Amino acid sequence: MWPPGSSPSAHRPDRARKTYPQVPPKVEHCLTERGQALCPALDALLKWAEKEEALQPREEPEQETTD
């Protein structure tokens, strides 16, 4: 549930929203310059997560036994 006066489409400085007057409604979202400034940090976080995942031992799926 979203706080009163808020929604997932509420104004945010990191993304822009353009609404078209048509039925069914059409809305496009894109990152603003401020949102795009986050890309290097998010890329670094993604690389870290991929590296950490590669270091984790893979768990073998449990095989069902037939009686």
PDB file of N, CA and C in Angstrom:
ATOM      1  N   MET A   1       0.850  -1.171   0.000  1.00  0.00           N
ATOM      2  CA  MET A   1       0.000   0.000   0.000  1.00  0.00           C
ATOM      3  C   MET A   1       0.897   1.237   0.000  1.00  0.00           C
ATOM      4  N   TRP A   2       0.502   2.243  -0.718  1.00  0.00           N
ATOM      5  CA  TRP A   2       1.276   3.470  -0.825  1.00  0.00           C
ATOM      6  C   TRP A   2       0.798   4.478   0.214  1.00  0.00           C
ATOM      7  N   PRO A   3       1.709   5.278   0.731  1.00  0.00           N
ATOM      8  CA  PRO A   3       1.305   6.312   1.692  1.00  0.00           C
ATOM      9  C   PRO A   3       0.307   7.281   1.062  1.00  0.00           C
ATOM     10  N   PRO A   4      -0.536   7.929   1.888  1.00  0.00           N
ATOM     11  CA  PRO A   4      -1.512   8.882   1.335  1.00  0.00           C
ATOM     12  C   PRO A   4      -0.838   9.954   0.485  1.00  0.00           C
ATOM     13  N   GLY A   5      -1.421  10.236  -0.662  1.00  0.00           N
ATOM     14  CA  GLY A   5      -0.887  11.253  -1.559  1.00  0.00           C
ATOM     15  C   GLY A   5       0.304  10.771  -2.367  1.00  0.00           C
ATOM     16  N   SER A   6       0.583   9.470  -2.296  1.00  0.00           N
ATOM     17  CA  SER A   6       1.726   8.919  -3.006  1.00  0.00           C
ATOM     18  C   SER A   6       1.268   7.729  -3.837  1.00  0.00           C
ATOM     19  N   SER A   7       2.032   7.411  -4.850  1.00  0.00           N
ATOM     20  CA  SER A   7       1.763   6.244  -5.676  1.00  0.00           C
ATOM     21  C   SER A   7       3.041   5.915  -6.416  1.00  0.00           C
ATOM     22  N   PRO A   8       3.097   4.751  -7.052  1.00  0.00           N
ATOM     23  CA  PRO A   8       4.313   4.428  -7.787  1.00  0.00           C
ATOM     24  C   PRO A   8       4.586   5.398  -8.924  1.00  0.00           C
ATOM     25  N   SER A   9       3.571   6.106  -9.378  1.00  0.00           N
ATOM     26  CA  SER A   9       3.748   7.056 -10.476  1.00  0.00           C
ATOM     27  C   SER A   9       3.863   8.497  -9.990  1.00  0.00           C
ATOM     28  N   ALA A  10       3.987   8.696  -8.673  1.00  0.00           N
ATOM     29  CA  ALA A  10       4.117  10.053  -8.134  1.00  0.00           C
ATOM     30  C   ALA A  10       5.390  10.700  -8.674  1.00  0.00           C
ATOM     31  N   HIS A  11       5.416  12.040  -8.696  1.00  0.00           N
ATOM     32  CA  HIS A  11       6.576  12.759  -9.227  1.00  0.00           C
ATOM     33  C   HIS A  11       7.836  12.384  -8.467  1.00  0.00           C
ATOM     34  N   ARG A  12       8.877  12.065  -9.218  1.00  0.00           N
ATOM     35  CA  ARG A  12      10.173  11.754  -8.626  1.00  0.00           C
ATOM     36  C   ARG A  12      11.223  12.481  -9.448  1.00  0.00           C
ATOM     37  N   PRO A  13      12.244  13.040  -8.799  1.00  0.00           N
ATOM     38  CA  PRO A  13      13.252  13.794  -9.538  1.00  0.00           C
ATOM     39  C   PRO A  13      14.174  12.929 -10.389  1.00  0.00           C
ATOM     40  N   ASP A  14      14.125  11.600 -10.228  1.00  0.00           N
ATOM     41  CA  ASP A  14      15.024  10.744 -10.990  1.00  0.00           C
ATOM     42  C   ASP A  14      14.389  10.162 -12.250  1.00  0.00           C
ATOM     43  N   ARG A  15      13.109  10.460 -12.464  1.00  0.00           N
ATOM     44  CA  ARG A  15      12.460   9.962 -13.682  1.00  0.00           C
ATOM     45  C   ARG A  15      11.414  10.955 -14.180  1.00  0.00           C
ATOM     46  N   ALA A  16      11.187  10.897 -15.476  1.00  0.00           N
ATOM     47  CA  ALA A  16      10.203  11.780 -16.103  1.00  0.00           C
ATOM     48  C   ALA A  16       9.038  10.930 -16.606  1.00  0.00           C
ATOM     49  N   ARG A  17       7.875  11.521 -16.643  1.00  0.00           N
ATOM     50  CA  ARG A  17       6.673  10.809 -17.077  1.00  0.00           C
ATOM     51  C   ARG A  17       5.934  11.650 -18.104  1.00  0.00           C
ATOM     52  N   LYS A  18       5.548  11.020 -19.206  1.00  0.00           N
ATOM     53  CA  LYS A  18       4.781  11.705 -20.240  1.00  0.00           C
ATOM     54  C   LYS A  18       3.492  10.912 -20.459  1.00  0.00           C
ATOM     55  N   THR A  19       2.361  11.587 -20.316  1.00  0.00           N
ATOM     56  CA  THR A  19       1.053  10.953 -20.475  1.00  0.00           C
ATOM     57  C   THR A  19       0.438  11.405 -21.790  1.00  0.00           C
ATOM     58  N   TYR A  20      -0.120  10.454 -22.528  1.00  0.00           N
ATOM     59  CA  TYR A  20      -0.771  10.752 -23.795  1.00  0.00           C
ATOM     60  C   TYR A  20      -2.278  10.680 -23.606  1.00  0.00           C
ATOM     61  N   PRO A  21      -3.031  11.652 -24.151  1.00  0.00           N
ATOM     62  CA  PRO A  21      -4.498  11.653 -23.995  1.00  0.00           C
ATOM     63  C   PRO A  21      -5.155  10.682 -24.984  1.00  0.00           C
ATOM     64  N   GLN A  22      -5.188   9.418 -24.632  1.00  0.00           N
ATOM     65  CA  GLN A  22      -5.805   8.429 -25.499  1.00  0.00           C
ATOM     66  C   GLN A  22      -6.398   7.309 -24.661  1.00  0.00           C
ATOM     67  N   VAL A  23      -7.208   6.496 -25.292  1.00  0.00           N
ATOM     68  CA  VAL A  23      -7.820   5.348 -24.637  1.00  0.00           C
ATOM     69  C   VAL A  23      -7.410   4.117 -25.423  1.00  0.00           C
ATOM     70  N   PRO A  24      -6.826   3.112 -24.800  1.00  0.00           N
ATOM     71  CA  PRO A  24      -6.434   3.039 -23.396  1.00  0.00           C
ATOM     72  C   PRO A  24      -5.284   4.001 -23.112  1.00  0.00           C
ATOM     73  N   PRO A  25      -5.125   4.374 -21.847  1.00  0.00           N
ATOM     74  CA  PRO A  25      -4.083   5.347 -21.500  1.00  0.00           C
ATOM     75  C   PRO A  25      -2.691   4.852 -21.874  1.00  0.00           C
ATOM     76  N   LYS A  26      -1.875   5.791 -22.285  1.00  0.00           N
ATOM     77  CA  LYS A  26      -0.487   5.474 -22.635  1.00  0.00           C
ATOM     78  C   LYS A  26       0.396   6.407 -21.823  1.00  0.00           C
ATOM     79  N   VAL A  27       1.385   5.825 -21.133  1.00  0.00           N
ATOM     80  CA  VAL A  27       2.320   6.604 -20.327  1.00  0.00           C
ATOM     81  C   VAL A  27       3.716   6.095 -20.609  1.00  0.00           C
ATOM     82  N   GLU A  28       4.646   7.005 -20.809  1.00  0.00           N
ATOM     83  CA  GLU A  28       6.049   6.634 -21.002  1.00  0.00           C
ATOM     84  C   GLU A  28       6.864   7.187 -19.849  1.00  0.00           C
ATOM     85  N   HIS A  29       7.826   6.411 -19.394  1.00  0.00           N
ATOM     86  CA  HIS A  29       8.724   6.833 -18.326  1.00  0.00           C
ATOM     87  C   HIS A  29      10.155   6.778 -18.844  1.00  0.00           C
ATOM     88  N   CYS A  30      10.991   7.702 -18.397  1.00  0.00           N
ATOM     89  CA  CYS A  30      12.410   7.672 -18.739  1.00  0.00           C
ATOM     90  C   CYS A  30      13.190   8.300 -17.587  1.00  0.00           C
ATOM     91  N   LEU A  31      14.473   8.002 -17.542  1.00  0.00           N
ATOM     92  CA  LEU A  31      15.322   8.571 -16.499  1.00  0.00           C
ATOM     93  C   LEU A  31      15.696  10.004 -16.841  1.00  0.00           C
ATOM     94  N   THR A  32      15.695  10.857 -15.835  1.00  0.00           N
ATOM     95  CA  THR A  32      16.187  12.221 -16.009  1.00  0.00           C
ATOM     96  C   THR A  32      17.706  12.184 -15.887  1.00  0.00           C
ATOM     97  N   GLU A  33      18.354  13.318 -16.044  1.00  0.00           N
ATOM     98  CA  GLU A  33      19.814  13.371 -15.868  1.00  0.00           C
ATOM     99  C   GLU A  33      20.191  12.907 -14.466  1.00  0.00           C
ATOM    100  N   ARG A  34      19.379  13.298 -13.485  1.00  0.00           N
ATOM    101  CA  ARG A  34      19.655  12.883 -12.105  1.00  0.00           C
ATOM    102  C   ARG A  34      19.567  11.358 -11.974  1.00  0.00           C
ATOM    103  N   GLY A  35      18.571  10.760 -12.600  1.00  0.00           N
ATOM    104  CA  GLY A  35      18.430   9.311 -12.564  1.00  0.00           C
ATOM    105  C   GLY A  35      19.566   8.617 -13.295  1.00  0.00           C
ATOM    106  N   GLN A  36      19.977   9.174 -14.435  1.00  0.00           N
ATOM    107  CA  GLN A  36      21.078   8.592 -15.198  1.00  0.00           C
ATOM    108  C   GLN A  36      22.393   8.687 -14.440  1.00  0.00           C
ATOM    109  N   ALA A  37      22.503   9.671 -13.556  1.00  0.00           N
ATOM    110  CA  ALA A  37      23.726   9.808 -12.756  1.00  0.00           C
ATOM    111  C   ALA A  37      23.909   8.618 -11.820  1.00  0.00           C
ATOM    112  N   LEU A  38      22.852   7.869 -11.556  1.00  0.00           N
ATOM    113  CA  LEU A  38      22.943   6.683 -10.701  1.00  0.00           C
ATOM    114  C   LEU A  38      23.508   5.464 -11.444  1.00  0.00           C
ATOM    115  N   CYS A  39      23.523   5.500 -12.760  1.00  0.00           N
ATOM    116  CA  CYS A  39      23.939   4.339 -13.547  1.00  0.00           C
ATOM    117  C   CYS A  39      25.328   3.808 -13.182  1.00  0.00           C
ATOM    118  N   PRO A  40      26.367   4.637 -13.044  1.00  0.00           N
ATOM    119  CA  PRO A  40      27.670   4.078 -12.674  1.00  0.00           C
ATOM    120  C   PRO A  40      27.640   3.355 -11.322  1.00  0.00           C
ATOM    121  N   ALA A  41      26.937   3.898 -10.349  1.00  0.00           N
ATOM    122  CA  ALA A  41      26.852   3.245  -9.042  1.00  0.00           C
ATOM    123  C   ALA A  41      26.084   1.922  -9.153  1.00  0.00           C
ATOM    124  N   LEU A  42      24.992   1.905  -9.922  1.00  0.00           N
ATOM    125  CA  LEU A  42      24.226   0.681 -10.082  1.00  0.00           C
ATOM    126  C   LEU A  42      25.002  -0.366 -10.870  1.00  0.00           C
ATOM    127  N   ASP A  43      25.777   0.064 -11.872  1.00  0.00           N
ATOM    128  CA  ASP A  43      26.622  -0.863 -12.621  1.00  0.00           C
ATOM    129  C   ASP A  43      27.658  -1.508 -11.706  1.00  0.00           C
ATOM    130  N   ALA A  44      28.277  -0.704 -10.825  1.00  0.00           N
ATOM    131  CA  ALA A  44      29.265  -1.232  -9.886  1.00  0.00           C
ATOM    132  C   ALA A  44      28.612  -2.229  -8.934  1.00  0.00           C
ATOM    133  N   LEU A  45      27.420  -1.932  -8.472  1.00  0.00           N
ATOM    134  CA  LEU A  45      26.699  -2.835  -7.573  1.00  0.00           C
ATOM    135  C   LEU A  45      26.371  -4.146  -8.289  1.00  0.00           C
ATOM    136  N   LEU A  46      25.956  -4.073  -9.541  1.00  0.00           N
ATOM    137  CA  LEU A  46      25.653  -5.269 -10.319  1.00  0.00           C
ATOM    138  C   LEU A  46      26.898  -6.129 -10.513  1.00  0.00           C
ATOM    139  N   LYS A  47      28.026  -5.506 -10.839  1.00  0.00           N
ATOM    140  CA  LYS A  47      29.271  -6.260 -11.007  1.00  0.00           C
ATOM    141  C   LYS A  47      29.664  -6.947  -9.704  1.00  0.00           C
ATOM    142  N   TRP A  48      29.508  -6.233  -8.575  1.00  0.00           N
ATOM    143  CA  TRP A  48      29.824  -6.821  -7.277  1.00  0.00           C
ATOM    144  C   TRP A  48      28.933  -8.033  -7.012  1.00  0.00           C
ATOM    145  N   ALA A  49      27.627  -7.892  -7.286  1.00  0.00           N
ATOM    146  CA  ALA A  49      26.685  -8.987  -7.037  1.00  0.00           C
ATOM    147  C   ALA A  49      27.009 -10.199  -7.907  1.00  0.00           C
ATOM    148  N   GLU A  50      27.363  -9.959  -9.163  1.00  0.00           N
ATOM    149  CA  GLU A  50      27.728 -11.068 -10.051  1.00  0.00           C
ATOM    150  C   GLU A  50      28.983 -11.766  -9.553  1.00  0.00           C
ATOM    151  N   LYS A  51      29.964 -10.991  -9.078  1.00  0.00           N
ATOM    152  CA  LYS A  51      31.197 -11.573  -8.542  1.00  0.00           C
ATOM    153  C   LYS A  51      30.899 -12.396  -7.291  1.00  0.00           C
ATOM    154  N   GLU A  52      30.067 -11.861  -6.405  1.00  0.00           N
ATOM    155  CA  GLU A  52      29.709 -12.582  -5.179  1.00  0.00           C
ATOM    156  C   GLU A  52      28.951 -13.867  -5.507  1.00  0.00           C
ATOM    157  N   GLU A  53      28.072 -13.807  -6.483  1.00  0.00           N
ATOM    158  CA  GLU A  53      27.317 -14.993  -6.867  1.00  0.00           C
ATOM    159  C   GLU A  53      28.247 -16.067  -7.417  1.00  0.00           C
ATOM    160  N   ALA A  54      29.247 -15.647  -8.198  1.00  0.00           N
ATOM    161  CA  ALA A  54      30.194 -16.601  -8.769  1.00  0.00           C
ATOM    162  C   ALA A  54      31.038 -17.260  -7.680  1.00  0.00           C
ATOM    163  N   LEU A  55      31.258 -16.579  -6.565  1.00  0.00           N
ATOM    164  CA  LEU A  55      32.067 -17.128  -5.475  1.00  0.00           C
ATOM    165  C   LEU A  55      31.286 -18.086  -4.583  1.00  0.00           C
ATOM    166  N   GLN A  56      29.958 -18.030  -4.654  1.00  0.00           N
ATOM    167  CA  GLN A  56      29.131 -18.883  -3.801  1.00  0.00           C
ATOM    168  C   GLN A  56      29.099 -20.297  -4.370  1.00  0.00           C
ATOM    169  N   PRO A  57      29.259 -21.287  -3.489  1.00  0.00           N
ATOM    170  CA  PRO A  57      29.170 -22.678  -3.982  1.00  0.00           C
ATOM    171  C   PRO A  57      27.741 -22.981  -4.423  1.00  0.00           C
ATOM    172  N   ARG A  58      27.644 -23.700  -5.496  1.00  0.00           N
ATOM    173  CA  ARG A  58      26.334 -24.078  -6.017  1.00  0.00           C
ATOM    174  C   ARG A  58      25.786 -25.230  -5.190  1.00  0.00           C
ATOM    175  N   GLU A  59      24.519 -25.120  -4.829  1.00  0.00           N
ATOM    176  CA  GLU A  59      23.866 -26.200  -4.101  1.00  0.00           C
ATOM    177  C   GLU A  59      23.255 -27.156  -5.108  1.00  0.00           C
ATOM    178  N   GLU A  60      23.508 -28.432  -4.895  1.00  0.00           N
ATOM    179  CA  GLU A  60      22.927 -29.440  -5.771  1.00  0.00           C
ATOM    180  C   GLU A  60      21.471 -29.629  -5.377  1.00  0.00           C
ATOM    181  N   PRO A  61      20.578 -29.693  -6.343  1.00  0.00           N
ATOM    182  CA  PRO A  61      19.167 -29.921  -6.004  1.00  0.00           C
ATOM    183  C   PRO A  61      18.996 -31.315  -5.396  1.00  0.00           C
ATOM    184  N   GLU A  62      18.137 -31.389  -4.400  1.00  0.00           N
ATOM    185  CA  GLU A  62      17.895 -32.667  -3.762  1.00  0.00           C
ATOM    186  C   GLU A  62      17.121 -33.563  -4.723  1.00  0.00           C
ATOM    187  N   GLN A  63      17.610 -34.811  -4.837  1.00  0.00           N
ATOM    188  CA  GLN A  63      16.932 -35.749  -5.706  1.00  0.00           C
ATOM    189  C   GLN A  63      15.906 -36.528  -4.911  1.00  0.00           C
ATOM    190  N   GLU A  64      14.756 -36.696  -5.506  1.00  0.00           N
ATOM    191  CA  GLU A  64      13.723 -37.465  -4.844  1.00  0.00           C
ATOM    192  C   GLU A  64      14.068 -38.943  -4.940  1.00  0.00           C
ATOM    193  N   THR A  65      13.820 -39.647  -3.877  1.00  0.00           N
ATOM    194  CA  THR A  65      14.066 -41.088  -3.882  1.00  0.00           C
ATOM    195  C   THR A  65      12.740 -41.804  -4.052  1.00  0.00           C
ATOM    196  N   THR A  66      12.772 -42.851  -4.787  1.00  0.00           N
ATOM    197  CA  THR A  66      11.558 -43.657  -4.957  1.00  0.00           C
ATOM    198  C   THR A  66      11.664 -44.849  -4.037  1.00  0.00           C
ATOM    199  N   ASP A  67      10.587 -45.121  -3.364  1.00  0.00           N
ATOM    200  CA  ASP A  67      10.582 -46.261  -2.426  1.00  0.00           C
ATOM    201  C   ASP A  67      10.114 -47.508  -3.092  1.00  0.00           C
TER     202      ASP A  67
END
